[in-house]
Amino acid sequence: MPYRNCENLDRLLNENSIRMRPSAFLAEPPYPLSRASFDRFEGMMLGLAIGDALGNTSESLVPAERERRHGEIRDYLLHRVLADRRGYPSDDTQLAFRTLEQILDDGHLAPDRLMRRFQNDRIFGIGGTVRAALHNANLGVPWDRCGVARAGNGALMRIAPVLFPYLANPSRELWADTALATMITHNDSMAIASSLAMVHALWQCLHHDRPPEPEWWLETFIAVLREFEVDDQYTSRSPHLPPFQGTLWQFLDRYVRRAYRDGEATRIAMDTWYSGAYLLETVSSVTLLLMRYAGNLEEAIVRAVNDTHDNDSIAAIVGAAAGALHGKSAIPPRWLEGLSGRTRENDDGHIFRLLDRARQVSGQPSP
């Protein structure tokens, strides 16, 4: 019998155990991909890994201090532990490729098995929310009760590979997979809605034959967020904004729309709302960066790396979107050649082997 996450999601919605609004959106499969090639999926996954690797050696510095220390970062920095200039993963890449690995091993996304994989593998630099969810799992809490009600970006940055099983056979199961892959660690309205909005956008990026108009990103994210966000009231952490209390889609509609239409410099706008790991800030920053730079894969990732606070995660998310839009062939060769391909301590090239395996499963010929 096929594994059906739609049934799991329906059960959780009926029990009010998952923080998302039911929507007719869930009943509609994504439309077939008429133009997508495996190059696009590979570009998405490699864009994620490269954005993470370019950013994680200067993570959490404010942009002005990062620029003072490193100038403009366009290549991998010297790794402070491994002492070379290759691209190494943080938890962003590790969790994303563990997700792809679980899908490849089992033939579908299985949230219980995915949680066990997160439990059993060492993850470097894991965030507090994922750590708390894994602590619950280690205590024997069922997978669908482990997630914590926190609006961090630790699920959004790993969500891209859930698209893989549906590239050839679109199904509404994609939306259920997305929601459940998020809620196992982040059972939060903004987190689940953000993952659904991103997966919806990534799916369309795989289809586009040219970059969409800038405001497409904003309108696409807002439309999906409005479908799924419950009426939780989130507040901004920034002292530079008027007091805000509301949902993510309302924040995007108010502040990202204004920054784009006023032509405000991207770094200044993101400094204003603060570009940290809180999804109110992460999704706002990702949206503005894609509105400004999605037409140029390299520049989109470089700006995410240089101009944001939580730069590895934001660059990983931006890199996934730009990679889905442009494909592996658009990635600068120096970034590919310098990427270690690790997902563990000593598995150099494992990312590339997983993607080769995914290509074989997809039935597409090797390049």
Protein backbone atom coordinates (compact mmCIF):
# COMPACT_ATOMS: atom_id res chain seq x y z
CA MET A 1 0.00 0.00 0.00
CA PRO A 2 1.49 3.41 -0.90
CA TYR A 3 2.56 5.65 1.93
CA ARG A 4 -0.06 8.39 2.16
CA ASN A 5 0.83 11.47 4.14
CA CYS A 6 -2.47 13.08 3.14
CA GLU A 7 -4.16 10.71 5.58
CA ASN A 8 -1.72 11.65 8.33
CA LEU A 9 -2.29 15.33 7.66
CA ASP A 10 -6.08 14.95 7.64
CA ARG A 11 -5.90 13.16 10.98
CA LEU A 12 -3.73 15.87 12.53
CA LEU A 13 -6.00 18.62 11.21
CA ASN A 14 -9.08 16.85 12.62
CA GLU A 15 -7.31 16.52 15.98
CA ASN A 16 -6.21 20.18 15.91
CA SER A 17 -2.70 18.83 16.46
CA ILE A 18 -0.96 20.74 13.67
CA ARG A 19 -0.72 24.53 13.58
CA MET A 20 -2.08 25.28 10.13
CA ARG A 21 -5.36 26.32 8.60
CA PRO A 22 -7.18 23.71 6.47
CA SER A 23 -7.46 24.89 2.88
CA ALA A 24 -8.86 23.74 -0.45
CA PHE A 25 -5.31 24.33 -1.72
CA LEU A 26 -4.39 20.95 -0.20
CA ALA A 27 -6.74 19.08 -2.53
CA GLU A 28 -5.16 20.39 -5.74
CA PRO A 29 -2.04 18.66 -7.10
CA PRO A 30 0.73 20.88 -8.46
CA TYR A 31 0.50 21.24 -12.20
CA PRO A 32 2.75 19.03 -14.37
CA LEU A 33 6.22 20.34 -15.11
CA SER A 34 6.42 20.82 -18.85
CA ARG A 35 9.95 22.26 -19.01
CA ALA A 36 11.74 21.04 -15.90
CA SER A 37 14.83 18.91 -16.28
CA PHE A 38 16.89 17.18 -13.64
CA ASP A 39 19.40 20.01 -14.12
CA ARG A 40 16.88 22.29 -12.37
CA PHE A 41 16.40 19.96 -9.40
CA GLU A 42 20.16 19.46 -9.13
CA GLY A 43 20.66 23.22 -9.34
CA MET A 44 18.16 23.68 -6.50
CA MET A 45 19.95 21.24 -4.20
CA LEU A 46 23.43 22.47 -5.09
CA GLY A 47 22.34 26.09 -4.76
CA LEU A 48 21.20 25.28 -1.24
CA ALA A 49 24.51 23.60 -0.33
CA ILE A 50 26.62 26.36 -1.89
CA GLY A 51 24.69 29.17 -0.21
CA ASP A 52 25.14 27.42 3.12
CA ALA A 53 28.87 26.81 2.56
CA LEU A 54 29.57 30.37 1.42
CA GLY A 55 27.77 31.78 4.44
CA ASN A 56 28.51 29.56 7.40
CA THR A 57 32.10 30.72 7.93
CA SER A 58 30.84 34.24 8.70
CA GLU A 59 27.42 33.37 10.13
CA SER A 60 25.82 35.70 12.68
CA LEU A 61 28.07 38.68 12.00
CA VAL A 62 26.10 41.80 11.26
CA PRO A 63 26.70 42.76 7.62
CA ALA A 64 28.82 45.84 8.40
CA GLU A 65 31.16 43.86 10.65
CA ARG A 66 31.37 41.01 8.11
CA GLU A 67 32.34 43.49 5.42
CA ARG A 68 34.97 45.06 7.70
CA ARG A 69 36.57 41.67 8.33
CA HIS A 70 36.24 39.99 4.93
CA GLY A 71 35.33 42.58 2.32
CA GLU A 72 32.71 41.28 -0.13
CA ILE A 73 32.49 37.49 0.10
CA ARG A 74 32.25 35.84 -3.31
CA ASP A 75 34.14 32.63 -2.62
CA TYR A 76 34.56 30.16 0.23
CA LEU A 77 36.41 31.60 3.21
CA LEU A 78 39.09 29.84 5.21
CA HIS A 79 37.27 27.36 7.47
CA ARG A 80 38.10 28.15 11.09
CA VAL A 81 38.30 24.47 12.13
CA LEU A 82 39.34 22.60 8.98
CA ALA A 83 41.75 25.33 7.87
CA ASP A 84 41.15 25.21 4.13
CA ARG A 85 39.05 27.14 1.66
CA ARG A 86 36.64 24.48 0.50
CA GLY A 87 32.90 24.71 1.02
CA TYR A 88 31.75 22.77 4.06
CA PRO A 89 28.20 22.17 5.34
CA SER A 90 26.36 23.43 8.37
CA ASP A 91 23.16 21.87 9.67
CA ASP A 92 21.28 23.40 6.71
CA THR A 93 22.97 21.18 4.13
CA GLN A 94 23.15 18.19 6.46
CA LEU A 95 19.42 18.20 7.24
CA ALA A 96 18.39 18.88 3.64
CA PHE A 97 20.47 16.03 2.24
CA ARG A 98 19.42 13.69 5.08
CA THR A 99 15.88 14.40 3.87
CA LEU A 100 16.78 13.53 0.28
CA GLU A 101 18.61 10.42 1.49
CA GLN A 102 15.55 9.23 3.44
CA ILE A 103 13.31 9.77 0.40
CA LEU A 104 15.70 7.84 -1.84
CA ASP A 105 16.06 4.98 0.64
CA ASP A 106 12.32 4.56 1.29
CA GLY A 107 10.84 5.77 -1.99
CA HIS A 108 8.76 8.48 -0.29
CA LEU A 109 8.93 10.95 2.56
CA ALA A 110 8.21 9.14 5.82
CA PRO A 111 8.15 11.62 8.71
CA ASP A 112 8.76 9.00 11.39
CA ARG A 113 11.80 7.62 9.54
CA LEU A 114 13.05 11.11 8.80
CA MET A 115 12.91 11.96 12.49
CA ARG A 116 14.85 8.80 13.34
CA ARG A 117 17.47 9.73 10.75
CA PHE A 118 17.85 13.15 12.34
CA GLN A 119 18.15 11.46 15.75
CA ASN A 120 20.74 8.90 14.74
CA ASP A 121 23.13 11.08 12.75
CA ARG A 122 25.43 13.70 14.17
CA ILE A 123 24.39 17.15 12.91
CA PHE A 124 26.85 20.04 13.27
CA GLY A 125 25.52 23.38 14.52
CA ILE A 126 21.96 22.20 15.03
CA GLY A 127 19.47 24.90 16.05
CA GLY A 128 17.62 25.09 19.34
CA THR A 129 14.20 24.17 17.97
CA VAL A 130 15.43 21.08 16.13
CA ARG A 131 17.44 20.14 19.22
CA ALA A 132 14.31 20.40 21.38
CA ALA A 133 12.29 18.27 18.94
CA LEU A 134 15.02 15.63 18.87
CA HIS A 135 15.11 15.64 22.67
CA ASN A 136 11.39 14.86 22.62
CA ALA A 137 11.98 12.05 20.15
CA ASN A 138 14.77 10.62 22.31
CA LEU A 139 12.31 10.53 25.22
CA GLY A 140 10.00 8.32 23.13
CA VAL A 141 7.48 11.00 22.14
CA PRO A 142 5.72 10.01 18.85
CA TRP A 143 7.01 11.80 15.75
CA ASP A 144 3.81 13.80 15.34
CA ARG A 145 4.08 15.23 18.87
CA CYS A 146 7.78 16.12 18.89
CA GLY A 147 7.56 19.46 17.08
CA VAL A 148 7.94 22.68 19.05
CA ALA A 149 5.84 25.82 18.55
CA ARG A 150 8.67 28.09 17.47
CA ALA A 151 8.96 30.23 14.34
CA GLY A 152 12.62 29.64 13.48
CA ASN A 153 13.90 28.86 9.99
CA GLY A 154 15.30 25.39 10.77
CA ALA A 155 12.64 23.61 8.70
CA LEU A 156 12.44 26.09 5.83
CA MET A 157 16.13 25.79 5.02
CA ARG A 158 15.88 22.00 4.58
CA ILE A 159 12.48 21.72 2.84
CA ALA A 160 13.50 21.75 -0.86
CA PRO A 161 14.08 17.99 -1.40
CA VAL A 162 10.44 17.12 -0.64
CA LEU A 163 9.75 17.96 -4.31
CA PHE A 164 11.77 15.03 -5.60
CA PRO A 165 9.16 12.20 -5.55
CA TYR A 166 6.72 14.33 -7.56
CA LEU A 167 8.86 15.62 -10.42
CA ALA A 168 7.42 13.08 -12.86
CA ASN A 169 4.12 12.41 -11.10
CA PRO A 170 2.62 15.51 -9.44
CA SER A 171 0.35 14.74 -6.51
CA ARG A 172 -1.34 16.60 -3.71
CA GLU A 173 0.78 14.42 -1.42
CA LEU A 174 3.49 17.06 -1.98
CA TRP A 175 1.63 19.51 0.26
CA ALA A 176 1.14 16.91 2.98
CA ASP A 177 4.80 15.91 2.81
CA THR A 178 5.80 19.56 3.14
CA ALA A 179 3.59 20.19 6.17
CA LEU A 180 4.66 17.03 7.98
CA ALA A 181 8.36 17.40 7.21
CA THR A 182 8.11 20.82 8.86
CA MET A 183 5.95 19.98 11.86
CA ILE A 184 8.15 17.14 13.11
CA THR A 185 10.44 19.88 14.43
CA HIS A 186 8.53 23.17 14.00
CA ASN A 187 4.84 22.77 14.82
CA ASP A 188 4.18 26.45 14.29
CA SER A 189 1.82 28.29 11.98
CA MET A 190 4.41 30.58 10.43
CA ALA A 191 6.88 27.71 9.97
CA ILE A 192 4.43 25.36 8.25
CA ALA A 193 2.91 28.08 6.07
CA SER A 194 6.40 29.30 5.08
CA SER A 195 7.45 25.82 3.98
CA LEU A 196 4.28 25.42 1.91
CA ALA A 197 4.79 28.83 0.30
CA MET A 198 8.43 28.04 -0.50
CA VAL A 199 7.69 24.58 -1.96
CA HIS A 200 4.91 26.08 -4.08
CA ALA A 201 7.33 28.74 -5.36
CA LEU A 202 10.13 26.22 -5.97
CA TRP A 203 7.78 24.02 -7.97
CA GLN A 204 6.93 26.93 -10.22
CA CYS A 205 10.61 27.88 -10.53
CA LEU A 206 11.33 24.43 -11.94
CA HIS A 207 8.76 25.23 -14.65
CA HIS A 208 9.67 28.82 -15.56
CA ASP A 209 11.64 29.34 -18.75
CA ARG A 210 12.70 32.82 -17.62
CA PRO A 211 12.85 34.65 -14.27
CA PRO A 212 9.42 35.86 -13.15
CA GLU A 213 8.57 39.51 -12.64
CA PRO A 214 9.91 40.78 -9.30
CA GLU A 215 6.55 41.20 -7.59
CA TRP A 216 5.63 37.61 -8.51
CA TRP A 217 7.73 36.46 -5.55
CA LEU A 218 5.89 38.69 -3.12
CA GLU A 219 2.42 37.89 -4.43
CA THR A 220 3.15 34.14 -4.59
CA PHE A 221 4.40 33.99 -1.00
CA ILE A 222 1.55 36.13 0.33
CA ALA A 223 -1.13 34.12 -1.47
CA VAL A 224 0.01 30.80 0.00
CA LEU A 225 0.74 32.17 3.46
CA ARG A 226 -2.80 33.59 3.63
CA GLU A 227 -4.18 30.13 2.90
CA PHE A 228 -2.41 28.42 5.77
CA GLU A 229 -1.48 30.86 8.53
CA VAL A 230 -3.76 30.79 11.53
CA ASP A 231 -4.38 34.02 13.37
CA ASP A 232 -1.33 33.80 15.62
CA GLN A 233 0.05 37.22 16.42
CA TYR A 234 3.79 37.49 15.82
CA THR A 235 5.78 40.54 16.85
CA SER A 236 8.81 42.12 15.24
CA ARG A 237 12.09 42.14 17.17
CA SER A 238 13.34 45.24 15.39
CA PRO A 239 13.55 48.54 17.27
CA HIS A 240 13.68 50.30 13.89
CA LEU A 241 10.06 49.53 12.95
CA PRO A 242 6.77 50.69 14.44
CA PRO A 243 5.34 48.05 16.78
CA PHE A 244 4.03 45.15 14.68
CA GLN A 245 1.71 42.38 15.71
CA GLY A 246 0.22 40.07 13.10
CA THR A 247 0.95 37.30 10.62
CA LEU A 248 3.86 36.84 8.25
CA TRP A 249 1.80 37.61 5.16
CA GLN A 250 0.77 40.92 6.71
CA PHE A 251 4.42 41.77 7.44
CA LEU A 252 5.43 40.98 3.86
CA ASP A 253 2.54 43.00 2.48
CA ARG A 254 3.44 46.01 4.60
CA TYR A 255 7.23 46.13 4.85
CA VAL A 256 8.66 44.13 1.94
CA ARG A 257 6.24 45.70 -0.52
CA ARG A 258 7.15 49.16 0.74
CA ALA A 259 10.92 48.50 0.61
CA TYR A 260 10.71 47.24 -2.96
CA ARG A 261 8.46 49.97 -4.28
CA ASP A 262 10.46 52.71 -2.55
CA GLY A 263 13.68 51.37 -4.05
CA GLU A 264 15.25 51.03 -0.62
CA ALA A 265 18.71 49.46 -0.66
CA THR A 266 18.39 45.76 0.10
CA ARG A 267 20.86 45.72 3.00
CA ILE A 268 19.27 48.79 4.58
CA ALA A 269 15.79 47.27 4.35
CA MET A 270 16.96 43.98 5.85
CA ASP A 271 18.88 45.78 8.60
CA THR A 272 15.66 47.63 9.37
CA TRP A 273 13.60 44.49 10.03
CA TYR A 274 16.70 42.47 11.06
CA SER A 275 17.66 39.42 9.00
CA GLY A 276 17.92 36.69 11.61
CA ALA A 277 16.66 33.13 11.96
CA TYR A 278 13.17 34.26 13.05
CA LEU A 279 10.92 33.54 10.07
CA LEU A 280 9.36 36.99 10.15
CA GLU A 281 12.84 38.23 9.23
CA THR A 282 14.11 35.29 7.17
CA VAL A 283 11.16 35.10 4.77
CA SER A 284 11.03 38.89 4.40
CA SER A 285 14.74 38.91 3.52
CA VAL A 286 14.48 35.95 1.13
CA THR A 287 11.53 37.57 -0.62
CA LEU A 288 13.24 40.92 -1.13
CA LEU A 289 16.50 39.30 -2.28
CA LEU A 290 14.65 37.21 -4.86
CA MET A 291 12.64 40.21 -6.03
CA ARG A 292 15.88 42.11 -6.64
CA TYR A 293 18.34 39.44 -7.76
CA ALA A 294 16.62 36.21 -8.84
CA GLY A 295 17.57 36.85 -12.47
CA ASN A 296 21.25 36.34 -11.61
CA LEU A 297 22.02 33.19 -9.59
CA GLU A 298 25.49 34.26 -8.51
CA GLU A 299 24.46 37.72 -7.43
CA ALA A 300 21.40 36.46 -5.53
CA ILE A 301 23.55 34.11 -3.42
CA VAL A 302 26.35 36.66 -2.96
CA ARG A 303 23.95 39.30 -1.71
CA ALA A 304 22.33 36.83 0.69
CA VAL A 305 25.76 35.86 2.05
CA ASN A 306 26.96 39.43 2.49
CA ASP A 307 23.88 41.39 3.43
CA THR A 308 22.08 39.29 6.05
CA HIS A 309 22.67 38.27 9.65
CA ASP A 310 21.69 34.57 9.48
CA ASN A 311 23.50 34.41 6.20
CA ASP A 312 24.08 30.67 5.80
CA SER A 313 20.40 29.77 6.12
CA ILE A 314 19.14 32.73 4.10
CA ALA A 315 21.72 32.06 1.37
CA ALA A 316 20.76 28.36 1.37
CA ILE A 317 17.08 29.25 0.84
CA VAL A 318 17.86 31.87 -1.81
CA GLY A 319 20.31 29.46 -3.43
CA ALA A 320 17.65 26.76 -3.65
CA ALA A 321 15.23 29.14 -5.37
CA ALA A 322 17.82 30.57 -7.76
CA GLY A 323 19.11 27.06 -8.51
CA ALA A 324 15.60 25.81 -9.29
CA LEU A 325 15.11 28.75 -11.60
CA HIS A 326 18.42 28.57 -13.47
CA GLY A 327 19.68 24.99 -13.02
CA LYS A 328 23.07 23.50 -12.23
CA SER A 329 24.49 24.77 -15.51
CA ALA A 330 24.23 28.36 -14.23
CA ILE A 331 26.28 27.73 -11.07
CA PRO A 332 29.81 29.18 -11.29
CA PRO A 333 32.27 26.30 -11.82
CA ARG A 334 34.57 27.56 -9.04
CA TRP A 335 31.76 27.06 -6.51
CA LEU A 336 31.08 23.51 -7.68
CA GLU A 337 34.77 22.60 -7.79
CA GLY A 338 35.37 24.01 -4.30
CA LEU A 339 32.36 22.33 -2.66
CA SER A 340 33.45 19.47 -0.41
CA GLY A 341 30.16 17.65 -0.91
CA ARG A 342 30.16 16.52 2.69
CA THR A 343 27.12 15.70 4.77
CA ARG A 344 29.11 14.06 7.56
CA GLU A 345 32.62 14.40 8.98
CA ASN A 346 34.47 12.39 6.32
CA ASP A 347 32.15 11.69 3.40
CA ASP A 348 33.57 14.03 0.78
CA GLY A 349 31.48 14.03 -2.39
CA HIS A 350 28.42 12.44 -0.78
CA ILE A 351 26.16 15.26 -1.99
CA PHE A 352 27.18 14.53 -5.58
CA ARG A 353 26.69 10.79 -5.12
CA LEU A 354 23.18 11.36 -3.73
CA LEU A 355 22.31 13.57 -6.68
CA ASP A 356 23.65 10.98 -9.13
CA ARG A 357 21.46 8.41 -7.41
CA ALA A 358 18.47 10.74 -7.63
CA ARG A 359 19.14 11.22 -11.34
CA GLN A 360 19.13 7.45 -11.85
CA VAL A 361 15.87 7.10 -9.92
CA SER A 362 14.33 9.87 -12.00
CA GLY A 363 15.25 7.99 -15.18
CA GLN A 364 17.15 10.90 -16.69
CA PRO A 365 20.46 10.21 -18.44
CA SER A 366 23.75 11.36 -17.01
CA PRO A 367 25.00 14.63 -18.49
